[in-house]
Structures are given as C-alpha cells and as structure tokens.
Amino acid sequence: MGGEALSLAPEQKNGPMIAVTRLNGSRFAVNPDLIERVQENPDTTLVMVGGATYVVRESLAEIIGLIADYRALVLATARGLTVGQGQQLSLVRGTEENDPGPGATPLRPTQR
C-alpha cells in the first residue's frame, strides 16, 4: 500500500458502499457496516455478518483504509447538514399557564 491515502472511487460517494475487485477483475460494492471481519491468507477475504464470503484483490490494509475513508465521509457529510425549517418539538405543559401537568409516575408502587 505504500502509505498513500486511499480515496473513494466515484461510485462509492453515492451510497453506503465501498467498491472492491474480485480476483477475476470484476468490481462490486459491499456495505462496510455488514463486514464482520477481513482475513488475509494470502488472498483477502471479506466475511460478512450473514456468513457470505468474498475473495478480493485489495489487501487487508487497503480494505481497512477504504472503510475508514467511507466512515470519515459519512461523518463529514453529517457535520455539513443543516437543521431543517420544520416545526421544532417542544415540551407541552398543562392547558392553563399555572397547571404543571400530571405529576411524576412512581417507578414502584407506593406503600400504604
């Protein structure tokens, strides 16, 4: 891997996936949140939560880099979102201004 930073492929910026390459050269995308583990023996194998396995050309370090880049992109996107202009939720008190509303509900029955 040589220490260079991995960048997301264009197809990876449009959804919750990372693009990887099968040994035969065909590309496919996988949801990184569903990867249970990555093995390198000597081929790199993605083991999914559901039990499926995929053998890919990318090294273990490259897969880890792709997942880290993807998660960094998710966080950066979330930080860039603005709060919508919809109605804000707020606490509603009783109908009268002085009415504090119903009292607290005890977690345990009170003793008599």
C-alpha atoms as a PDB file:
ATOM      1  CA  MET A   1       0.000   0.000   0.000  1.00  0.00           C
ATOM      2  CA  GLY A   2       2.995   2.313   0.302  1.00  0.00           C
ATOM      3  CA  GLY A   3       1.473   4.720   2.869  1.00  0.00           C
ATOM      4  CA  GLU A   4      -0.507   6.780   0.363  1.00  0.00           C
ATOM      5  CA  ALA A   5      -4.038   7.797   1.338  1.00  0.00           C
ATOM      6  CA  LEU A   6      -6.838   5.933  -0.347  1.00  0.00           C
ATOM      7  CA  SER A   7      -9.597   7.962  -1.945  1.00  0.00           C
ATOM      8  CA  LEU A   8     -13.136   6.836  -2.508  1.00  0.00           C
ATOM      9  CA  ALA A   9     -13.991   5.839  -6.037  1.00  0.00           C
ATOM     10  CA  PRO A  10     -16.732   7.965  -7.673  1.00  0.00           C
ATOM     11  CA  GLU A  11     -19.263   5.136  -7.346  1.00  0.00           C
ATOM     12  CA  GLN A  12     -18.601   4.996  -3.600  1.00  0.00           C
ATOM     13  CA  LYS A  13     -19.633   8.606  -2.985  1.00  0.00           C
ATOM     14  CA  ASN A  14     -23.245   7.910  -3.928  1.00  0.00           C
ATOM     15  CA  GLY A  15     -24.248   5.320  -1.381  1.00  0.00           C
ATOM     16  CA  PRO A  16     -23.420   3.292   1.687  1.00  0.00           C
ATOM     17  CA  MET A  17     -20.926   1.043  -0.095  1.00  0.00           C
ATOM     18  CA  ILE A  18     -17.239   0.551  -0.795  1.00  0.00           C
ATOM     19  CA  ALA A  19     -16.127  -0.721  -4.197  1.00  0.00           C
ATOM     20  CA  VAL A  20     -13.810  -3.744  -4.300  1.00  0.00           C
ATOM     21  CA  THR A  21     -12.433  -6.036  -7.021  1.00  0.00           C
ATOM     22  CA  ARG A  22     -12.917  -9.785  -7.396  1.00  0.00           C
ATOM     23  CA  LEU A  23      -9.902 -11.865  -8.404  1.00  0.00           C
ATOM     24  CA  ASN A  24     -11.316 -12.071 -11.968  1.00  0.00           C
ATOM     25  CA  GLY A  25     -11.229  -8.256 -12.222  1.00  0.00           C
ATOM     26  CA  SER A  26     -14.935  -7.515 -11.888  1.00  0.00           C
ATOM     27  CA  ARG A  27     -15.873  -4.709  -9.500  1.00  0.00           C
ATOM     28  CA  PHE A  28     -18.678  -4.827  -6.962  1.00  0.00           C
ATOM     29  CA  ALA A  29     -19.782  -2.830  -3.961  1.00  0.00           C
ATOM     30  CA  VAL A  30     -20.246  -4.062  -0.420  1.00  0.00           C
ATOM     31  CA  ASN A  31     -21.787  -2.393   2.625  1.00  0.00           C
ATOM     32  CA  PRO A  32     -18.860  -1.880   5.044  1.00  0.00           C
ATOM     33  CA  ASP A  33     -21.220  -1.960   8.035  1.00  0.00           C
ATOM     34  CA  LEU A  34     -22.000  -5.607   7.222  1.00  0.00           C
ATOM     35  CA  ILE A  35     -18.375  -6.786   7.135  1.00  0.00           C
ATOM     36  CA  GLU A  36     -17.734  -8.958  10.183  1.00  0.00           C
ATOM     37  CA  ARG A  37     -14.030  -9.487   9.549  1.00  0.00           C
ATOM     38  CA  VAL A  38     -11.341  -9.273   6.877  1.00  0.00           C
ATOM     39  CA  GLN A  39      -8.802 -12.104   6.513  1.00  0.00           C
ATOM     40  CA  GLU A  40      -5.579 -12.191   4.522  1.00  0.00           C
ATOM     41  CA  ASN A  41      -4.380 -15.756   3.888  1.00  0.00           C
ATOM     42  CA  PRO A  42      -2.780 -14.888   1.321  1.00  0.00           C
ATOM     43  CA  ASP A  43      -5.887 -13.718  -0.581  1.00  0.00           C
ATOM     44  CA  THR A  44      -8.015 -11.103   1.130  1.00  0.00           C
ATOM     45  CA  THR A  45     -11.407 -12.463   2.159  1.00  0.00           C
ATOM     46  CA  LEU A  46     -14.332 -10.364   3.363  1.00  0.00           C
ATOM     47  CA  VAL A  47     -16.537 -12.304   5.777  1.00  0.00           C
ATOM     48  CA  MET A  48     -19.977 -10.752   6.041  1.00  0.00           C
ATOM     49  CA  VAL A  49     -22.311 -10.728   9.040  1.00  0.00           C
ATOM     50  CA  GLY A  50     -24.681 -13.100   7.219  1.00  0.00           C
ATOM     51  CA  GLY A  51     -21.898 -15.620   6.565  1.00  0.00           C
ATOM     52  CA  ALA A  52     -21.206 -14.790   2.907  1.00  0.00           C
ATOM     53  CA  THR A  53     -17.543 -14.563   1.931  1.00  0.00           C
ATOM     54  CA  TYR A  54     -15.923 -12.603  -0.891  1.00  0.00           C
ATOM     55  CA  VAL A  55     -12.322 -13.003  -2.080  1.00  0.00           C
ATOM     56  CA  VAL A  56     -10.979  -9.676  -3.349  1.00  0.00           C
ATOM     57  CA  ARG A  57      -7.783  -8.275  -4.898  1.00  0.00           C
ATOM     58  CA  GLU A  58      -7.385  -5.439  -2.387  1.00  0.00           C
ATOM     59  CA  SER A  59      -5.042  -6.020   0.551  1.00  0.00           C
ATOM     60  CA  LEU A  60      -6.153  -6.068   4.175  1.00  0.00           C
ATOM     61  CA  ALA A  61      -4.637  -2.594   4.665  1.00  0.00           C
ATOM     62  CA  GLU A  62      -6.453  -1.253   1.594  1.00  0.00           C
ATOM     63  CA  ILE A  63      -9.810  -2.617   2.801  1.00  0.00           C
ATOM     64  CA  ILE A  64      -9.276  -1.053   6.227  1.00  0.00           C
ATOM     65  CA  GLY A  65      -8.379   2.229   4.502  1.00  0.00           C
ATOM     66  CA  LEU A  66     -11.496   2.118   2.318  1.00  0.00           C
ATOM     67  CA  ILE A  67     -13.698   1.518   5.360  1.00  0.00           C
ATOM     68  CA  ALA A  68     -12.003   4.346   7.298  1.00  0.00           C
ATOM     69  CA  ASP A  69     -12.368   6.730   4.328  1.00  0.00           C
ATOM     70  CA  TYR A  70     -16.026   5.777   3.937  1.00  0.00           C
ATOM     71  CA  ARG A  71     -16.772   6.382   7.626  1.00  0.00           C
ATOM     72  CA  ALA A  72     -14.901   9.711   7.539  1.00  0.00           C
ATOM     73  CA  LEU A  73     -17.062  10.713   4.558  1.00  0.00           C
ATOM     74  CA  VAL A  74     -20.224   9.791   6.489  1.00  0.00           C
ATOM     75  CA  LEU A  75     -19.135  11.911   9.476  1.00  0.00           C
ATOM     76  CA  ALA A  76     -18.128  14.868   7.287  1.00  0.00           C
ATOM     77  CA  THR A  77     -21.462  14.709   5.463  1.00  0.00           C
ATOM     78  CA  ALA A  78     -23.387  14.603   8.748  1.00  0.00           C
ATOM     79  CA  ARG A  79     -21.475  17.626  10.069  1.00  0.00           C
ATOM     80  CA  GLY A  80     -22.363  19.563   6.930  1.00  0.00           C
ATOM     81  CA  LEU A  81     -26.100  19.009   7.250  1.00  0.00           C
ATOM     82  CA  THR A  82     -28.228  21.941   8.347  1.00  0.00           C
ATOM     83  CA  VAL A  83     -31.233  21.736  10.618  1.00  0.00           C
ATOM     84  CA  GLY A  84     -34.448  21.749   8.608  1.00  0.00           C
ATOM     85  CA  GLN A  85     -37.003  24.533   8.719  1.00  0.00           C
ATOM     86  CA  GLY A  86     -39.756  22.259  10.046  1.00  0.00           C
ATOM     87  CA  GLN A  87     -41.629  22.761  13.280  1.00  0.00           C
ATOM     88  CA  GLN A  88     -39.458  22.264  16.355  1.00  0.00           C
ATOM     89  CA  LEU A  89     -40.520  19.843  19.039  1.00  0.00           C
ATOM     90  CA  SER A  90     -41.041  21.257  22.498  1.00  0.00           C
ATOM     91  CA  LEU A  91     -42.337  20.243  25.893  1.00  0.00           C
ATOM     92  CA  VAL A  92     -46.075  20.785  26.353  1.00  0.00           C
ATOM     93  CA  ARG A  93     -47.301  21.817  29.778  1.00  0.00           C
ATOM     94  CA  GLY A  94     -50.844  21.723  31.131  1.00  0.00           C
ATOM     95  CA  THR A  95     -53.657  23.672  29.477  1.00  0.00           C
ATOM     96  CA  GLU A  96     -53.523  26.520  31.995  1.00  0.00           C
ATOM     97  CA  GLU A  97     -50.390  28.553  32.467  1.00  0.00           C
ATOM     98  CA  ASN A  98     -50.162  27.685  36.185  1.00  0.00           C
ATOM     99  CA  ASP A  99     -51.035  23.996  35.711  1.00  0.00           C
ATOM    100  CA  PRO A 100     -47.798  21.975  35.839  1.00  0.00           C
ATOM    101  CA  GLY A 101     -49.490  18.964  34.237  1.00  0.00           C
ATOM    102  CA  PRO A 102     -49.694  15.463  35.676  1.00  0.00           C
ATOM    103  CA  GLY A 103     -47.287  14.534  38.441  1.00  0.00           C
ATOM    104  CA  ALA A 104     -44.438  12.102  38.113  1.00  0.00           C
ATOM    105  CA  THR A 105     -45.358   8.445  37.775  1.00  0.00           C
ATOM    106  CA  PRO A 106     -43.672   6.382  40.503  1.00  0.00           C
ATOM    107  CA  LEU A 107     -41.478   3.525  39.304  1.00  0.00           C
ATOM    108  CA  ARG A 108     -42.600   1.334  42.192  1.00  0.00           C
ATOM    109  CA  PRO A 109     -45.987   1.170  43.857  1.00  0.00           C
ATOM    110  CA  THR A 110     -46.198   3.410  46.884  1.00  0.00           C
ATOM    111  CA  GLN A 111     -46.584   1.724  50.244  1.00  0.00           C
ATOM    112  CA  ARG A 112     -49.890   2.094  52.067  1.00  0.00           C
END
